[in-house]
Amino acid sequence: MGPLDLLWHGLGLFAVPLLFGLLAATGARLLWRRRFAARPWRRVLAAACASAAAVTLAGLLVFGRDGRMATYLLMVLAVAAVLGWLGRRGA
């Protein structure tokens, strides 16, 4: 596998987590404006994307391949937990 192939495989692996993190962070900021008012959008975005990417890597290691439904379920739960933690009151 050449360097260009490795780049395309890496982009393909992280495309779904990055897009999901972007959509979840943007949606959370739009739906719960007061809760996320004190948090910079970039921090919320980085936390959502990082948690989704970490779950994708964990799913790749556990299942031996990416794109499993269990990985996507865990990705949704992890991003929801991170956004819930960031948006809690008094933080």
Protein backbone atom coordinates (compact mmCIF):
# COMPACT_ATOMS: atom_id res chain seq x y z
CA MET A 1 0.00 0.00 0.00
CA GLY A 2 1.42 3.33 -1.03
CA PRO A 3 1.25 6.60 0.90
CA LEU A 4 -1.64 7.91 -1.19
CA ASP A 5 -3.66 4.75 -0.56
CA LEU A 6 -2.94 5.03 3.15
CA LEU A 7 -4.15 8.63 3.11
CA TRP A 8 -7.41 7.70 1.37
CA HIS A 9 -8.01 4.81 3.77
CA GLY A 10 -7.45 7.11 6.76
CA LEU A 11 -9.78 9.75 5.34
CA GLY A 12 -12.41 7.12 4.67
CA LEU A 13 -12.05 5.70 8.18
CA PHE A 14 -12.51 9.06 9.90
CA ALA A 15 -15.06 10.63 7.53
CA VAL A 16 -18.11 9.30 9.39
CA PRO A 17 -16.89 10.20 12.90
CA LEU A 18 -15.90 13.70 11.84
CA LEU A 19 -19.19 14.32 10.05
CA PHE A 20 -21.19 12.91 12.94
CA GLY A 21 -19.22 14.99 15.43
CA LEU A 22 -19.85 18.10 13.35
CA LEU A 23 -23.59 17.43 13.10
CA ALA A 24 -23.94 16.53 16.79
CA ALA A 25 -21.98 19.55 18.03
CA THR A 26 -23.85 21.93 15.75
CA GLY A 27 -27.19 20.43 16.69
CA ALA A 28 -26.43 20.61 20.39
CA ARG A 29 -25.40 24.26 20.09
CA LEU A 30 -28.58 25.09 18.18
CA LEU A 31 -30.99 23.14 20.39
CA TRP A 32 -29.52 24.00 23.79
CA ARG A 33 -28.17 27.51 23.33
CA ARG A 34 -28.19 28.45 27.00
CA ARG A 35 -26.41 25.32 28.13
CA PHE A 36 -23.65 25.66 25.56
CA ALA A 37 -23.40 29.46 25.63
CA ALA A 38 -20.33 29.41 27.89
CA ARG A 39 -18.58 26.76 25.79
CA PRO A 40 -16.73 27.76 22.62
CA TRP A 41 -18.09 25.99 19.56
CA ARG A 42 -14.62 24.72 18.64
CA ARG A 43 -14.25 23.00 22.00
CA VAL A 44 -17.62 21.30 21.67
CA LEU A 45 -16.77 20.28 18.10
CA ALA A 46 -13.36 18.94 19.08
CA ALA A 47 -14.79 16.91 21.96
CA ALA A 48 -17.55 15.41 19.82
CA CYS A 49 -15.21 14.53 16.93
CA ALA A 50 -12.51 13.15 19.23
CA SER A 51 -14.92 10.87 21.06
CA ALA A 52 -16.42 9.61 17.81
CA ALA A 53 -12.96 8.97 16.34
CA ALA A 54 -11.83 7.17 19.49
CA VAL A 55 -14.85 4.86 19.37
CA THR A 56 -14.19 4.19 15.68
CA LEU A 57 -10.61 3.18 16.45
CA ALA A 58 -11.76 1.03 19.37
CA GLY A 59 -14.34 -0.66 17.16
CA LEU A 60 -11.68 -1.31 14.53
CA LEU A 61 -9.43 -2.93 17.13
CA VAL A 62 -12.19 -4.98 18.78
CA PHE A 63 -14.06 -6.14 15.68
CA GLY A 64 -11.17 -6.20 13.23
CA ARG A 65 -12.98 -3.95 10.75
CA ASP A 66 -14.80 -0.66 10.68
CA GLY A 67 -18.41 0.07 9.87
CA ARG A 68 -20.04 -2.35 12.31
CA MET A 69 -23.43 -1.34 13.67
CA ALA A 70 -22.24 -1.88 17.24
CA THR A 71 -19.47 0.65 16.61
CA TYR A 72 -21.97 3.19 15.31
CA LEU A 73 -24.21 2.61 18.33
CA LEU A 74 -21.29 3.13 20.70
CA MET A 75 -20.29 6.22 18.72
CA VAL A 76 -23.73 7.77 19.22
CA LEU A 77 -23.70 6.93 22.93
CA ALA A 78 -20.17 8.28 23.43
CA VAL A 79 -20.87 11.56 21.65
CA ALA A 80 -24.15 11.96 23.55
CA ALA A 81 -22.32 11.36 26.84
CA VAL A 82 -19.59 13.87 26.00
CA LEU A 83 -22.08 16.52 24.88
CA GLY A 84 -24.20 15.89 27.96
CA TRP A 85 -21.14 16.31 30.16
CA LEU A 86 -20.13 19.52 28.39
CA GLY A 87 -23.64 20.94 28.54
CA ARG A 88 -24.44 20.20 32.14
CA ARG A 89 -25.50 23.12 34.27
CA GLY A 90 -23.07 24.73 36.63
CA ALA A 91 -20.01 23.72 34.61
